[in-house]
Amino acid sequence: MANGHEVETAVIPVQGVWSQIKHRQLRQRSWTIVVTVCVVAFCMLAQSYAGVTVYPTEVFVKPPNKSAPIVITNPSNNEIEVWLTFSYQYPVIFDSTGIKMSAGDSTSGDEPAASKWLRAIPQRFTLKPQESQVVRILGSPPPGLKSGEYWSQIVIGSKDRKLAAVNDQQGAKFNMDIITQTVVPFHFRTGATTTGLQIREAQAVATPKGIHMRLVLDRSGNASYWGRMTTRVLNANGKVIKTKESRMVVYRSMDYSLDIELGEERSGQYSVELVFDNRHPGLSPEFRIPSGSVTQRIPVQ
């Protein structure tokens, strides 16, 4: 019980680009409902839960353009409400629990925050079943903006126009609003942009199932690093016995962990070779910033 009202918690798993947890206090009829909306990052693909899909999964804008379209689609059989807001956050940790975000200080002049000068047209609308809406994300940067890349999250909220009917464990029935959110990264580039990657720390440790790796990566230049990490496991003779490719995005620094399963080939001595390049599979070649590849070999402890 809370403030004389019964409180229920609904946990909604949603796939998106970045990880985020939102708590909202929602009012409806005689119930107070707390809805926890979880946005889970997986393979940098943005798609929504419960009827909303968004394309593209990342937005880049550079002069002479100041805006870019996104398409929001309702493939469900229900009429839904959709609204857009902007938030300044970027990923700093990736591990088995998901992606952890940092908001920095969006009021600081040193933060490349674009959220305060972005708007969506339209900002709020209704989608009928199977209907799509083109939304233009418009940037109005302040005069004298220095060269570099500026970031924001496009946060797309949605809910069914009808309240969802829910039964609790005691069989009581009630209605509740379920809000889902999809987060799409937005990047605004101006002037000369450069990027690169440096490996600050790299560890590879043997586990019962294979190898656990932890990397601390730093970005150089004035734009985020969108690239690809190729991981090769080599045996004592230098033969490659396992190869894995991962998408990599580093905004400032990233503490990154991953596990590599080796199956039956778990005995013996191994090393891991890491190769980073700028060929992120989800990024159009038009927006790739030239940068050299980075290679490092690490012995497995």
Protein backbone atom coordinates (compact mmCIF):
# COMPACT_ATOMS: atom_id res chain seq x y z
CA MET A 1 0.00 0.00 0.00
CA ALA A 2 1.20 3.54 -0.77
CA ASN A 3 -0.67 6.71 0.20
CA GLY A 4 -3.82 4.64 0.68
CA HIS A 5 -3.68 3.16 -2.82
CA GLU A 6 -2.56 -0.27 -3.90
CA VAL A 7 0.56 -0.12 -6.06
CA GLU A 8 1.35 -2.60 -8.81
CA THR A 9 4.59 -2.78 -10.78
CA ALA A 10 4.71 -3.78 -14.44
CA VAL A 11 8.07 -4.57 -16.02
CA ILE A 12 8.08 -4.19 -19.80
CA PRO A 13 11.11 -5.56 -21.70
CA VAL A 14 11.74 -3.40 -24.76
CA GLN A 15 14.50 -3.69 -27.33
CA GLY A 16 16.22 -0.46 -28.24
CA VAL A 17 19.59 1.06 -28.95
CA TRP A 18 20.59 2.15 -25.51
CA SER A 19 19.77 0.79 -22.07
CA GLN A 20 17.49 2.85 -19.91
CA ILE A 21 15.11 2.43 -16.99
CA LYS A 22 12.19 4.81 -16.54
CA HIS A 23 9.76 5.06 -13.64
CA ARG A 24 6.41 6.80 -14.12
CA GLN A 25 3.52 7.32 -11.74
CA LEU A 26 0.32 6.85 -13.76
CA ARG A 27 -3.25 7.70 -12.80
CA GLN A 28 -6.30 5.71 -13.85
CA ARG A 29 -9.66 5.20 -12.21
CA SER A 30 -9.25 3.89 -8.64
CA TRP A 31 -5.71 2.52 -8.94
CA THR A 32 -2.26 4.08 -8.69
CA ILE A 33 0.04 2.20 -11.03
CA VAL A 34 3.83 2.41 -11.16
CA VAL A 35 5.10 1.26 -14.53
CA THR A 36 8.76 0.43 -14.92
CA VAL A 37 9.84 0.63 -18.54
CA CYS A 38 13.10 -1.09 -19.39
CA VAL A 39 14.85 -0.39 -22.67
CA VAL A 40 17.39 -3.10 -23.44
CA ALA A 41 20.26 -2.59 -25.91
CA PHE A 42 21.03 -5.56 -28.15
CA CYS A 43 23.21 -5.46 -31.29
CA MET A 44 22.54 -1.72 -31.63
CA LEU A 45 19.12 -2.40 -33.26
CA ALA A 46 16.24 -0.07 -32.27
CA GLN A 47 12.80 -1.52 -32.22
CA SER A 48 9.92 -1.08 -29.83
CA TYR A 49 7.74 -3.40 -27.84
CA ALA A 50 3.92 -3.59 -28.04
CA GLY A 51 3.31 -2.23 -31.48
CA VAL A 52 5.84 0.48 -32.34
CA THR A 53 8.82 0.13 -34.67
CA VAL A 54 11.26 2.90 -35.60
CA TYR A 55 13.51 3.37 -38.63
CA PRO A 56 16.35 4.23 -38.90
CA THR A 57 17.98 2.94 -35.72
CA GLU A 58 20.48 5.81 -35.56
CA VAL A 59 20.24 9.35 -36.93
CA PHE A 60 23.13 11.43 -38.30
CA VAL A 61 22.86 14.99 -39.60
CA LYS A 62 25.57 17.15 -41.13
CA PRO A 63 25.56 20.42 -43.13
CA PRO A 64 23.97 21.57 -45.28
CA ASN A 65 21.14 19.57 -43.67
CA LYS A 66 19.77 20.51 -40.25
CA SER A 67 17.08 17.86 -40.04
CA ALA A 68 16.45 14.18 -40.71
CA PRO A 69 13.31 12.02 -40.94
CA ILE A 70 12.44 8.94 -38.92
CA VAL A 71 9.51 6.61 -39.60
CA ILE A 72 7.42 5.36 -36.68
CA THR A 73 5.11 2.44 -37.45
CA ASN A 74 2.30 0.77 -35.53
CA PRO A 75 2.11 -2.85 -36.80
CA SER A 76 -0.37 -3.85 -34.08
CA ASN A 77 -4.14 -4.09 -34.26
CA ASN A 78 -4.63 -1.40 -31.61
CA GLU A 79 -4.75 2.37 -31.92
CA ILE A 80 -1.85 3.94 -30.04
CA GLU A 81 -0.62 7.32 -28.85
CA VAL A 82 2.98 8.32 -29.63
CA TRP A 83 5.10 11.23 -28.38
CA LEU A 84 8.75 12.25 -28.71
CA THR A 85 11.14 13.89 -26.25
CA PHE A 86 14.92 14.38 -26.16
CA SER A 87 17.46 13.42 -23.51
CA TYR A 88 21.23 13.76 -23.26
CA GLN A 89 22.85 10.45 -22.29
CA TYR A 90 25.50 8.18 -23.74
CA PRO A 91 26.76 4.65 -22.92
CA VAL A 92 29.82 4.20 -20.71
CA ILE A 93 29.67 0.54 -19.58
CA PHE A 94 28.64 -2.63 -21.38
CA ASP A 95 28.60 -5.99 -19.60
CA SER A 96 26.38 -9.03 -19.08
CA THR A 97 23.77 -6.91 -17.30
CA GLY A 98 23.34 -4.53 -20.24
CA ILE A 99 24.42 -0.98 -21.03
CA LYS A 100 24.90 1.67 -18.36
CA MET A 101 24.47 5.31 -19.31
CA SER A 102 26.00 8.61 -18.23
CA ALA A 103 24.20 11.95 -18.51
CA GLY A 104 27.26 14.08 -17.82
CA ASP A 105 26.41 17.73 -17.16
CA SER A 106 24.14 18.75 -20.03
CA THR A 107 24.27 22.39 -18.84
CA SER A 108 28.05 22.55 -19.19
CA GLY A 109 29.47 24.19 -22.27
CA ASP A 110 31.96 21.34 -22.50
CA GLU A 111 29.25 18.71 -23.03
CA PRO A 112 28.30 18.04 -26.68
CA ALA A 113 24.58 18.05 -25.84
CA ALA A 114 22.16 18.58 -28.74
CA SER A 115 18.98 17.77 -26.79
CA LYS A 116 18.31 21.39 -25.78
CA TRP A 117 18.05 22.62 -29.39
CA LEU A 118 16.19 19.72 -31.04
CA ARG A 119 12.48 19.41 -31.77
CA ALA A 120 10.23 16.84 -33.42
CA ILE A 121 7.61 17.69 -36.05
CA PRO A 122 5.01 16.41 -35.20
CA GLN A 123 5.82 15.94 -31.52
CA ARG A 124 2.68 13.98 -30.53
CA PHE A 125 0.21 12.01 -32.63
CA THR A 126 -2.04 8.95 -32.85
CA LEU A 127 -1.41 5.92 -35.04
CA LYS A 128 -4.15 3.61 -36.24
CA PRO A 129 -3.42 -0.11 -36.75
CA GLN A 130 -0.79 -0.69 -39.46
CA GLU A 131 -0.27 3.07 -39.86
CA SER A 132 3.06 4.92 -40.12
CA GLN A 133 4.08 8.50 -39.45
CA VAL A 134 7.12 10.36 -40.74
CA VAL A 135 8.59 12.59 -38.03
CA ARG A 136 11.23 15.19 -38.86
CA ILE A 137 13.92 15.76 -36.24
CA LEU A 138 14.97 19.39 -36.61
CA GLY A 139 18.13 20.89 -35.14
CA SER A 140 18.45 24.62 -34.45
CA PRO A 141 22.02 24.88 -33.13
CA PRO A 142 23.14 28.12 -31.51
CA PRO A 143 25.35 30.46 -33.55
CA GLY A 144 29.09 29.96 -33.24
CA LEU A 145 28.86 26.23 -32.58
CA LYS A 146 32.40 24.87 -32.64
CA SER A 147 33.40 21.98 -34.90
CA GLY A 148 32.56 18.52 -33.68
CA GLU A 149 29.70 16.13 -33.05
CA TYR A 150 26.73 16.78 -30.73
CA TRP A 151 24.53 14.04 -29.27
CA SER A 152 21.07 13.35 -27.96
CA GLN A 153 18.63 10.53 -27.43
CA ILE A 154 15.38 10.60 -29.36
CA VAL A 155 12.98 9.05 -26.83
CA ILE A 156 9.83 7.68 -28.48
CA GLY A 157 7.08 6.90 -25.98
CA SER A 158 3.92 4.99 -26.90
CA LYS A 159 0.87 3.42 -25.31
CA ASP A 160 -2.42 1.86 -26.35
CA ARG A 161 -5.34 4.27 -26.30
CA LYS A 162 -7.30 1.66 -24.34
CA LEU A 163 -6.20 0.67 -20.85
CA ALA A 164 -4.81 -2.83 -20.55
CA ALA A 165 -6.87 -5.31 -18.48
CA VAL A 166 -4.70 -7.07 -15.87
CA ASN A 167 -5.39 -9.84 -13.35
CA ASP A 168 -3.29 -9.94 -10.16
CA GLN A 169 -2.27 -13.12 -8.32
CA GLN A 170 -5.42 -13.02 -6.21
CA GLY A 171 -7.61 -12.90 -9.30
CA ALA A 172 -8.61 -9.24 -8.91
CA LYS A 173 -9.06 -7.37 -12.18
CA PHE A 174 -7.97 -3.82 -12.89
CA ASN A 175 -6.93 -1.58 -15.78
CA MET A 176 -3.56 0.04 -16.26
CA ASP A 177 -1.60 2.18 -18.69
CA ILE A 178 1.51 0.51 -20.10
CA ILE A 179 4.06 2.93 -21.54
CA THR A 180 6.94 1.70 -23.68
CA GLN A 181 9.94 3.69 -24.82
CA THR A 182 12.38 3.26 -27.67
CA VAL A 183 15.63 5.22 -27.64
CA VAL A 184 17.36 6.17 -30.89
CA PRO A 185 20.72 7.99 -30.85
CA PHE A 186 20.95 11.33 -32.68
CA HIS A 187 24.22 12.90 -33.91
CA PHE A 188 24.68 16.39 -35.32
CA ARG A 189 28.02 17.10 -36.97
CA THR A 190 29.42 20.48 -37.92
CA GLY A 191 32.79 21.55 -39.26
CA ALA A 192 35.74 19.15 -39.32
CA THR A 193 35.13 15.92 -37.39
CA THR A 194 37.75 13.36 -36.39
CA THR A 195 37.65 10.17 -34.38
CA GLY A 196 39.83 7.28 -33.33
CA LEU A 197 40.17 4.56 -30.72
CA GLN A 198 42.75 3.76 -28.06
CA ILE A 199 42.91 0.65 -25.85
CA ARG A 200 43.63 1.82 -22.31
CA GLU A 201 43.25 -1.58 -20.60
CA ALA A 202 42.79 -5.12 -21.92
CA GLN A 203 42.42 -8.33 -19.92
CA ALA A 204 41.60 -11.89 -20.98
CA VAL A 205 40.90 -14.47 -18.26
CA ALA A 206 40.13 -18.18 -18.65
CA THR A 207 36.70 -19.32 -17.42
CA PRO A 208 35.09 -22.80 -17.18
CA LYS A 209 33.35 -22.17 -20.53
CA GLY A 210 36.01 -20.18 -22.37
CA ILE A 211 37.41 -16.66 -22.01
CA HIS A 212 36.13 -13.53 -20.26
CA MET A 213 37.43 -10.25 -21.65
CA ARG A 214 37.35 -6.76 -20.19
CA LEU A 215 38.42 -3.71 -22.18
CA VAL A 216 38.62 -0.02 -21.32
CA LEU A 217 38.47 1.98 -24.54
CA ASP A 218 39.05 5.71 -25.06
CA ARG A 219 37.88 7.72 -28.03
CA SER A 220 40.11 10.36 -29.60
CA GLY A 221 39.04 13.30 -31.76
CA ASN A 222 35.82 15.30 -31.49
CA ALA A 223 33.24 12.72 -32.68
CA SER A 224 31.98 9.37 -31.44
CA TYR A 225 33.69 6.23 -32.67
CA TRP A 226 31.40 3.85 -34.56
CA GLY A 227 33.30 0.72 -35.49
CA ARG A 228 33.67 -3.03 -35.47
CA MET A 229 35.69 -5.23 -33.13
CA THR A 230 36.98 -8.53 -34.48
CA THR A 231 38.10 -10.92 -31.75
CA ARG A 232 40.25 -13.92 -32.70
CA VAL A 233 41.27 -16.64 -30.23
CA LEU A 234 44.59 -18.29 -31.09
CA ASN A 235 46.04 -21.50 -29.65
CA ALA A 236 49.69 -22.03 -28.68
CA ASN A 237 50.59 -22.72 -32.34
CA GLY A 238 49.05 -19.44 -33.51
CA LYS A 239 46.06 -21.13 -35.16
CA VAL A 240 42.78 -19.21 -35.04
CA ILE A 241 40.20 -21.42 -33.32
CA LYS A 242 37.44 -18.87 -32.73
CA THR A 243 36.41 -15.60 -34.36
CA LYS A 244 33.76 -13.19 -33.14
CA GLU A 245 32.64 -9.81 -34.51
CA SER A 246 30.98 -7.16 -32.38
CA ARG A 247 29.59 -3.71 -33.09
CA MET A 248 31.34 -1.01 -31.11
CA VAL A 249 30.30 2.55 -30.25
CA VAL A 250 32.48 4.70 -27.98
CA TYR A 251 31.30 8.21 -27.17
CA ARG A 252 34.06 9.10 -24.70
CA SER A 253 35.25 6.05 -22.76
CA MET A 254 33.71 2.59 -22.69
CA ASP A 255 34.23 -0.16 -20.11
CA TYR A 256 33.38 -3.20 -22.23
CA SER A 257 33.09 -6.87 -21.22
CA LEU A 258 32.31 -9.97 -23.26
CA ASP A 259 32.51 -13.75 -22.95
CA ILE A 260 33.78 -16.12 -25.62
CA GLU A 261 32.78 -19.77 -25.37
CA LEU A 262 35.34 -22.27 -26.65
CA GLY A 263 33.32 -25.50 -26.52
CA GLU A 264 35.54 -28.57 -26.19
CA GLU A 265 38.77 -26.70 -26.95
CA ARG A 266 39.19 -25.24 -23.46
CA SER A 267 42.55 -26.78 -22.47
CA GLY A 268 45.92 -25.37 -23.45
CA GLN A 269 47.42 -21.92 -23.77
CA TYR A 270 45.66 -19.19 -25.71
CA SER A 271 45.97 -15.58 -26.73
CA VAL A 272 43.38 -13.14 -28.04
CA GLU A 273 43.92 -10.80 -30.98
CA LEU A 274 41.73 -7.69 -31.14
CA VAL A 275 41.24 -5.68 -34.33
CA PHE A 276 39.18 -2.45 -34.38
CA ASP A 277 38.16 -0.67 -37.58
CA ASN A 278 35.56 1.94 -38.54
CA ARG A 279 33.25 -0.43 -40.47
CA HIS A 280 30.27 -0.49 -38.12
CA PRO A 281 27.66 -2.70 -39.90
CA GLY A 282 24.75 -0.38 -39.07
CA LEU A 283 26.40 2.85 -40.17
CA SER A 284 26.11 4.21 -43.70
CA PRO A 285 29.49 4.72 -45.41
CA GLU A 286 28.44 8.36 -45.87
CA PHE A 287 28.83 8.92 -42.14
CA ARG A 288 32.00 6.91 -41.53
CA ILE A 289 34.85 9.09 -40.32
CA PRO A 290 38.24 7.89 -41.60
CA SER A 291 40.34 6.31 -38.86
CA GLY A 292 43.10 3.75 -38.82
CA SER A 293 42.62 0.24 -37.51
CA VAL A 294 43.89 -0.72 -34.04
CA THR A 295 45.33 -4.17 -33.30
CA GLN A 296 46.45 -5.70 -30.01
CA ARG A 297 47.24 -9.26 -28.87
CA ILE A 298 46.57 -10.28 -25.27
CA PRO A 299 47.67 -13.48 -23.49
CA VAL A 300 44.90 -15.34 -21.69
CA GLN A 301 45.54 -15.49 -17.96
